[in-house]
């Protein structure tokens, strides 16, 4: 059912679309950042373990 009192304009639709797109972009960016940090930390841990094993630690 459509409410006849509420009319949306193309400008309102575009603003809503851009706001949703911005939220999605932020979420994707944060997810990518978390992945990069995770890969970095795992790499550092594995390299540290390799150095310790090579030096008999």
PDB file of N, CA and C in Angstrom:
ATOM      1  N   UNK A   1       0.842  -1.166   0.000  1.00  0.00           N
ATOM      2  CA  UNK A   1       0.000   0.000   0.000  1.00  0.00           C
ATOM      3  C   UNK A   1       0.893   1.236   0.000  1.00  0.00           C
ATOM      4  N   UNK A   2       0.571   2.212  -0.804  1.00  0.00           N
ATOM      5  CA  UNK A   2       1.374   3.422  -0.939  1.00  0.00           C
ATOM      6  C   UNK A   2       0.715   4.549  -0.171  1.00  0.00           C
ATOM      7  N   UNK A   3       1.522   5.241   0.616  1.00  0.00           N
ATOM      8  CA  UNK A   3       1.027   6.399   1.363  1.00  0.00           C
ATOM      9  C   UNK A   3       1.065   7.604   0.432  1.00  0.00           C
ATOM     10  N   UNK A   4      -0.081   8.189   0.160  1.00  0.00           N
ATOM     11  CA  UNK A   4      -0.157   9.295  -0.789  1.00  0.00           C
ATOM     12  C   UNK A   4       0.381  10.597  -0.212  1.00  0.00           C
ATOM     13  N   UNK A   5       0.553  10.667   1.110  1.00  0.00           N
ATOM     14  CA  UNK A   5       1.067  11.887   1.718  1.00  0.00           C
ATOM     15  C   UNK A   5       2.588  11.994   1.585  1.00  0.00           C
ATOM     16  N   UNK A   6       3.246  10.874   1.360  1.00  0.00           N
ATOM     17  CA  UNK A   6       4.701  10.870   1.268  1.00  0.00           C
ATOM     18  C   UNK A   6       5.094  10.673  -0.189  1.00  0.00           C
ATOM     19  N   UNK A   7       5.661  11.707  -0.758  1.00  0.00           N
ATOM     20  CA  UNK A   7       6.132  11.628  -2.133  1.00  0.00           C
ATOM     21  C   UNK A   7       7.648  11.762  -2.129  1.00  0.00           C
ATOM     22  N   UNK A   8       8.305  10.878  -2.827  1.00  0.00           N
ATOM     23  CA  UNK A   8       9.754  10.982  -2.925  1.00  0.00           C
ATOM     24  C   UNK A   8      10.112  11.548  -4.285  1.00  0.00           C
ATOM     25  N   UNK A   9      11.118  12.361  -4.280  1.00  0.00           N
ATOM     26  CA  UNK A   9      11.596  12.947  -5.525  1.00  0.00           C
ATOM     27  C   UNK A   9      12.850  12.198  -5.958  1.00  0.00           C
ATOM     28  N   UNK A  10      13.198  12.317  -7.208  1.00  0.00           N
ATOM     29  CA  UNK A  10      14.444  11.675  -7.653  1.00  0.00           C
ATOM     30  C   UNK A  10      15.657  12.149  -6.847  1.00  0.00           C
ATOM     31  N   UNK A  11      15.628  13.401  -6.412  1.00  0.00           N
ATOM     32  CA  UNK A  11      16.733  13.932  -5.608  1.00  0.00           C
ATOM     33  C   UNK A  11      16.801  13.222  -4.255  1.00  0.00           C
ATOM     34  N   UNK A  12      15.634  12.976  -3.636  1.00  0.00           N
ATOM     35  CA  UNK A  12      15.601  12.251  -2.364  1.00  0.00           C
ATOM     36  C   UNK A  12      16.094  10.816  -2.551  1.00  0.00           C
ATOM     37  N   UNK A  13      15.666  10.203  -3.653  1.00  0.00           N
ATOM     38  CA  UNK A  13      16.104   8.838  -3.938  1.00  0.00           C
ATOM     39  C   UNK A  13      17.618   8.782  -4.117  1.00  0.00           C
ATOM     40  N   UNK A  14      18.159   9.777  -4.813  1.00  0.00           N
ATOM     41  CA  UNK A  14      19.602   9.805  -5.044  1.00  0.00           C
ATOM     42  C   UNK A  14      20.352  10.004  -3.730  1.00  0.00           C
ATOM     43  N   UNK A  15      19.843  10.872  -2.855  1.00  0.00           N
ATOM     44  CA  UNK A  15      20.484  11.095  -1.557  1.00  0.00           C
ATOM     45  C   UNK A  15      20.469   9.815  -0.726  1.00  0.00           C
ATOM     46  N   UNK A  16      19.349   9.121  -0.722  1.00  0.00           N
ATOM     47  CA  UNK A  16      19.244   7.871   0.035  1.00  0.00           C
ATOM     48  C   UNK A  16      20.181   6.821  -0.548  1.00  0.00           C
ATOM     49  N   UNK A  17      20.250   6.753  -1.861  1.00  0.00           N
ATOM     50  CA  UNK A  17      21.138   5.797  -2.519  1.00  0.00           C
ATOM     51  C   UNK A  17      22.598   6.087  -2.179  1.00  0.00           C
ATOM     52  N   UNK A  18      22.980   7.352  -2.246  1.00  0.00           N
ATOM     53  CA  UNK A  18      24.363   7.721  -1.946  1.00  0.00           C
ATOM     54  C   UNK A  18      24.702   7.480  -0.479  1.00  0.00           C
ATOM     55  N   UNK A  19      23.751   7.720   0.415  1.00  0.00           N
ATOM     56  CA  UNK A  19      23.987   7.468   1.841  1.00  0.00           C
ATOM     57  C   UNK A  19      24.187   5.972   2.088  1.00  0.00           C
ATOM     58  N   UNK A  20      23.360   5.152   1.462  1.00  0.00           N
ATOM     59  CA  UNK A  20      23.500   3.701   1.616  1.00  0.00           C
ATOM     60  C   UNK A  20      24.817   3.223   1.004  1.00  0.00           C
ATOM     61  N   UNK A  21      25.180   3.790  -0.130  1.00  0.00           N
ATOM     62  CA  UNK A  21      26.434   3.417  -0.783  1.00  0.00           C
ATOM     63  C   UNK A  21      27.627   3.789   0.098  1.00  0.00           C
ATOM     64  N   UNK A  22      27.554   4.945   0.737  1.00  0.00           N
ATOM     65  CA  UNK A  22      28.636   5.376   1.629  1.00  0.00           C
ATOM     66  C   UNK A  22      28.777   4.416   2.810  1.00  0.00           C
ATOM     67  N   UNK A  23      27.647   3.997   3.386  1.00  0.00           N
ATOM     68  CA  UNK A  23      27.698   3.043   4.500  1.00  0.00           C
ATOM     69  C   UNK A  23      28.302   1.712   4.053  1.00  0.00           C
ATOM     70  N   UNK A  24      27.913   1.249   2.874  1.00  0.00           N
ATOM     71  CA  UNK A  24      28.476  -0.005   2.351  1.00  0.00           C
ATOM     72  C   UNK A  24      29.976   0.128   2.116  1.00  0.00           C
ATOM     73  N   UNK A  25      30.393   1.251   1.553  1.00  0.00           N
ATOM     74  CA  UNK A  25      31.815   1.460   1.289  1.00  0.00           C
ATOM     75  C   UNK A  25      32.622   1.481   2.580  1.00  0.00           C
ATOM     76  N   UNK A  26      32.083   2.105   3.616  1.00  0.00           N
ATOM     77  CA  UNK A  26      32.766   2.140   4.910  1.00  0.00           C
ATOM     78  C   UNK A  26      32.868   0.731   5.485  1.00  0.00           C
ATOM     79  N   UNK A  27      31.790  -0.033   5.398  1.00  0.00           N
ATOM     80  CA  UNK A  27      31.805  -1.406   5.913  1.00  0.00           C
ATOM     81  C   UNK A  27      32.818  -2.260   5.153  1.00  0.00           C
ATOM     82  N   UNK A  28      32.862  -2.135   3.843  1.00  0.00           N
ATOM     83  CA  UNK A  28      33.820  -2.895   3.040  1.00  0.00           C
ATOM     84  C   UNK A  28      35.248  -2.467   3.381  1.00  0.00           C
ATOM     85  N   UNK A  29      35.457  -1.173   3.536  1.00  0.00           N
ATOM     86  CA  UNK A  29      36.785  -0.673   3.888  1.00  0.00           C
ATOM     87  C   UNK A  29      37.257  -1.186   5.235  1.00  0.00           C
ATOM     88  N   UNK A  30      36.361  -1.185   6.220  1.00  0.00           N
ATOM     89  CA  UNK A  30      36.721  -1.690   7.546  1.00  0.00           C
ATOM     90  C   UNK A  30      37.009  -3.184   7.506  1.00  0.00           C
ATOM     91  N   UNK A  31      36.217  -3.916   6.739  1.00  0.00           N
ATOM     92  CA  UNK A  31      36.461  -5.352   6.593  1.00  0.00           C
ATOM     93  C   UNK A  31      37.805  -5.623   5.930  1.00  0.00           C
ATOM     94  N   UNK A  32      38.128  -4.848   4.906  1.00  0.00           N
ATOM     95  CA  UNK A  32      39.411  -5.001   4.221  1.00  0.00           C
ATOM     96  C   UNK A  32      40.566  -4.648   5.151  1.00  0.00           C
ATOM     97  N   UNK A  33      40.416  -3.595   5.915  1.00  0.00           N
ATOM     98  CA  UNK A  33      41.452  -3.204   6.877  1.00  0.00           C
ATOM     99  C   UNK A  33      41.668  -4.301   7.921  1.00  0.00           C
ATOM    100  N   UNK A  34      40.583  -4.871   8.431  1.00  0.00           N
ATOM    101  CA  UNK A  34      40.697  -5.950   9.415  1.00  0.00           C
ATOM    102  C   UNK A  34      41.421  -7.152   8.809  1.00  0.00           C
ATOM    103  N   UNK A  35      41.132  -7.475   7.562  1.00  0.00           N
ATOM    104  CA  UNK A  35      41.795  -8.594   6.891  1.00  0.00           C
ATOM    105  C   UNK A  35      43.291  -8.333   6.735  1.00  0.00           C
ATOM    106  N   UNK A  36      43.648  -7.123   6.330  1.00  0.00           N
ATOM    107  CA  UNK A  36      45.058  -6.772   6.150  1.00  0.00           C
ATOM    108  C   UNK A  36      45.801  -6.861   7.479  1.00  0.00           C
ATOM    109  N   UNK A  37      45.191  -6.353   8.547  1.00  0.00           N
ATOM    110  CA  UNK A  37      45.814  -6.422   9.870  1.00  0.00           C
ATOM    111  C   UNK A  37      45.985  -7.877  10.295  1.00  0.00           C
ATOM    112  N   UNK A  38      44.983  -8.697  10.062  1.00  0.00           N
ATOM    113  CA  UNK A  38      45.066 -10.113  10.412  1.00  0.00           C
ATOM    114  C   UNK A  38      46.205 -10.803   9.659  1.00  0.00           C
ATOM    115  N   UNK A  39      46.303 -10.577   8.362  1.00  0.00           N
ATOM    116  CA  UNK A  39      47.372 -11.184   7.564  1.00  0.00           C
ATOM    117  C   UNK A  39      48.734 -10.689   8.050  1.00  0.00           C
ATOM    118  N   UNK A  40      48.837  -9.412   8.368  1.00  0.00           N
ATOM    119  CA  UNK A  40      50.097  -8.857   8.867  1.00  0.00           C
ATOM    120  C   UNK A  40      50.505  -9.523  10.178  1.00  0.00           C
ATOM    121  N   UNK A  41      49.561  -9.626  11.107  1.00  0.00           N
ATOM    122  CA  UNK A  41      49.875 -10.220  12.406  1.00  0.00           C
ATOM    123  C   UNK A  41      50.261 -11.694  12.278  1.00  0.00           C
ATOM    124  N   UNK A  42      49.541 -12.434  11.457  1.00  0.00           N
ATOM    125  CA  UNK A  42      49.873 -13.846  11.257  1.00  0.00           C
ATOM    126  C   UNK A  42      51.261 -13.968  10.624  1.00  0.00           C
ATOM    127  N   UNK A  43      51.575 -13.107   9.681  1.00  0.00           N
ATOM    128  CA  UNK A  43      52.896 -13.142   9.044  1.00  0.00           C
ATOM    129  C   UNK A  43      54.000 -12.853  10.053  1.00  0.00           C
ATOM    130  N   UNK A  44      53.813 -11.848  10.887  1.00  0.00           N
ATOM    131  CA  UNK A  44      54.813 -11.499  11.898  1.00  0.00           C
ATOM    132  C   UNK A  44      55.009 -12.663  12.871  1.00  0.00           C
ATOM    133  N   UNK A  45      53.919 -13.269  13.306  1.00  0.00           N
ATOM    134  CA  UNK A  45      54.013 -14.398  14.243  1.00  0.00           C
ATOM    135  C   UNK A  45      54.763 -15.560  13.607  1.00  0.00           C
ATOM    136  N   UNK A  46      54.442 -15.871  12.357  1.00  0.00           N
ATOM    137  CA  UNK A  46      55.105 -16.998  11.688  1.00  0.00           C
ATOM    138  C   UNK A  46      56.587 -16.709  11.453  1.00  0.00           C
ATOM    139  N   UNK A  47      56.924 -15.471  11.092  1.00  0.00           N
ATOM    140  CA  UNK A  47      58.335 -15.129  10.894  1.00  0.00           C
ATOM    141  C   UNK A  47      59.096 -15.193  12.208  1.00  0.00           C
ATOM    142  N   UNK A  48      58.473 -14.739  13.282  1.00  0.00           N
ATOM    143  CA  UNK A  48      59.110 -14.790  14.596  1.00  0.00           C
ATOM    144  C   UNK A  48      59.370 -16.235  15.003  1.00  0.00           C
ATOM    145  N   UNK A  49      58.417 -17.111  14.758  1.00  0.00           N
ATOM    146  CA  UNK A  49      58.595 -18.529  15.083  1.00  0.00           C
ATOM    147  C   UNK A  49      59.713 -19.137  14.239  1.00  0.00           C
ATOM    148  N   UNK A  50      59.810 -18.735  12.986  1.00  0.00           N
ATOM    149  CA  UNK A  50      60.860 -19.244  12.111  1.00  0.00           C
ATOM    150  C   UNK A  50      62.240 -18.795  12.564  1.00  0.00           C
ATOM    151  N   UNK A  51      62.360 -17.552  12.990  1.00  0.00           N
ATOM    152  CA  UNK A  51      63.640 -17.033  13.469  1.00  0.00           C
ATOM    153  C   UNK A  51      64.043 -17.738  14.756  1.00  0.00           C
ATOM    154  N   UNK A  52      63.094 -17.951  15.643  1.00  0.00           N
ATOM    155  CA  UNK A  52      63.390 -18.635  16.905  1.00  0.00           C
ATOM    156  C   UNK A  52      63.835 -20.072  16.649  1.00  0.00           C
ATOM    157  N   UNK A  53      63.199 -20.747  15.711  1.00  0.00           N
ATOM    158  CA  UNK A  53      63.556 -22.132  15.400  1.00  0.00           C
ATOM    159  C   UNK A  53      64.949 -22.199  14.772  1.00  0.00           C
ATOM    160  N   UNK A  54      65.291 -21.218  13.937  1.00  0.00           N
ATOM    161  CA  UNK A  54      66.588 -21.209  13.270  1.00  0.00           C
ATOM    162  C   UNK A  54      67.727 -20.964  14.253  1.00  0.00           C
ATOM    163  N   UNK A  55      67.453 -20.221  15.310  1.00  0.00           N
ATOM    164  CA  UNK A  55      68.479 -19.900  16.304  1.00  0.00           C
ATOM    165  C   UNK A  55      68.416 -20.821  17.514  1.00  0.00           C
ATOM    166  N   UNK A  56      67.627 -21.860  17.429  1.00  0.00           N
ATOM    167  CA  UNK A  56      67.543 -22.830  18.516  1.00  0.00           C
ATOM    168  C   UNK A  56      66.817 -22.305  19.741  1.00  0.00           C
ATOM    169  N   UNK A  57      65.879 -21.360  19.523  1.00  0.00           N
ATOM    170  CA  UNK A  57      65.179 -20.753  20.657  1.00  0.00           C
ATOM    171  C   UNK A  57      63.937 -21.376  20.949  1.00  0.00           C
TER     172      UNK A  57
END
